[in-house]
Amino acid sequence: MESINKLRLEIDEINLQLGRLLIERKKVAERIGQEKRKLGIEVYDRYREINIFQMLRRHFNQDEYNYLESIFQEVIKKSRQVQYI
């Protein structure tokens, strides 16, 4: 049986990977916000957000999607916030 400490080390590495990816996503969202300002486009794009969740539904089973849905809602909310800056 794997020890809890070993599993926690695995979680720690995954957390660092997630953190790096989320920061990368934030930077891209900031660039999107800059482009939207240049073009005079609204930050909130309902259809884009619908498309993101449709993509998740296609790539993950229902249990996985249920786990990810609220996480992505928060990620999208944060991305929208940085686009206003």
Protein backbone atom coordinates (compact mmCIF):
# COMPACT_ATOMS: atom_id res chain seq x y z
CA MET A 1 0.00 0.00 0.00
CA GLU A 2 1.27 3.44 -0.91
CA SER A 3 1.98 5.72 1.98
CA ILE A 4 -0.04 8.86 2.48
CA ASN A 5 3.14 10.94 2.40
CA LYS A 6 4.10 9.56 -1.01
CA LEU A 7 0.64 10.30 -2.36
CA ARG A 8 0.77 13.81 -0.88
CA LEU A 9 4.07 14.40 -2.67
CA GLU A 10 2.30 13.41 -5.89
CA ILE A 11 -0.48 15.90 -5.11
CA ASP A 12 2.12 18.60 -4.38
CA GLU A 13 3.70 18.10 -7.81
CA ILE A 14 0.31 18.18 -9.51
CA ASN A 15 -0.54 21.39 -7.61
CA LEU A 16 2.65 23.02 -8.89
CA GLN A 17 1.85 21.94 -12.45
CA LEU A 18 -1.70 23.29 -12.12
CA GLY A 19 -0.36 26.55 -10.72
CA ARG A 20 2.02 27.00 -13.66
CA LEU A 21 -0.75 26.25 -16.17
CA LEU A 22 -3.19 28.62 -14.48
CA ILE A 23 -0.63 31.44 -14.51
CA GLU A 24 0.02 30.74 -18.20
CA ARG A 25 -3.74 30.87 -18.80
CA LYS A 26 -3.95 34.17 -16.90
CA LYS A 27 -1.28 35.71 -19.11
CA VAL A 28 -3.10 34.63 -22.27
CA ALA A 29 -6.39 36.00 -20.87
CA GLU A 30 -4.65 39.34 -20.22
CA ARG A 31 -3.50 39.43 -23.86
CA ILE A 32 -7.03 38.60 -25.01
CA GLY A 33 -8.30 41.49 -22.89
CA GLN A 34 -5.82 43.85 -24.57
CA GLU A 35 -6.98 42.72 -28.01
CA LYS A 36 -10.64 43.08 -27.05
CA ARG A 37 -9.99 46.66 -25.88
CA LYS A 38 -8.25 47.48 -29.16
CA LEU A 39 -11.18 46.07 -31.13
CA GLY A 40 -13.85 47.52 -28.85
CA ILE A 41 -15.21 44.06 -28.03
CA GLU A 42 -17.01 43.28 -24.77
CA VAL A 43 -15.05 41.15 -22.31
CA TYR A 44 -17.97 38.84 -21.51
CA ASP A 45 -18.57 36.38 -24.34
CA ARG A 46 -21.41 34.07 -23.39
CA TYR A 47 -20.96 31.88 -26.46
CA ARG A 48 -17.26 31.36 -25.80
CA GLU A 49 -18.01 30.25 -22.27
CA ILE A 50 -20.71 27.86 -23.52
CA ASN A 51 -18.18 26.46 -26.00
CA ILE A 52 -15.64 25.87 -23.22
CA PHE A 53 -18.13 23.79 -21.23
CA GLN A 54 -19.23 21.90 -24.34
CA MET A 55 -15.59 21.04 -25.03
CA LEU A 56 -15.18 19.76 -21.47
CA ARG A 57 -18.30 17.62 -21.87
CA ARG A 58 -16.87 16.07 -25.03
CA HIS A 59 -13.49 15.26 -23.47
CA PHE A 60 -14.48 14.05 -20.00
CA ASN A 61 -17.02 11.56 -18.73
CA GLN A 62 -19.96 12.81 -16.68
CA ASP A 63 -18.33 12.25 -13.26
CA GLU A 64 -15.16 14.02 -14.38
CA TYR A 65 -17.17 16.87 -15.91
CA ASN A 66 -19.16 17.27 -12.69
CA TYR A 67 -15.87 17.54 -10.79
CA LEU A 68 -14.41 20.08 -13.22
CA GLU A 69 -17.45 22.26 -13.88
CA SER A 70 -17.32 24.48 -10.80
CA ILE A 71 -13.53 24.68 -10.99
CA PHE A 72 -13.72 25.95 -14.56
CA GLN A 73 -16.49 28.38 -13.63
CA GLU A 74 -14.06 29.98 -11.19
CA VAL A 75 -11.14 29.88 -13.65
CA ILE A 76 -13.27 31.57 -16.30
CA LYS A 77 -14.49 34.16 -13.80
CA LYS A 78 -10.88 34.99 -12.85
CA SER A 79 -9.87 35.12 -16.52
CA ARG A 80 -12.72 37.53 -17.23
CA GLN A 81 -11.57 39.73 -14.33
CA VAL A 82 -8.01 40.04 -15.67
CA GLN A 83 -9.38 40.99 -19.08
CA TYR A 84 -10.92 44.12 -17.55
CA ILE A 85 -7.53 45.30 -16.24
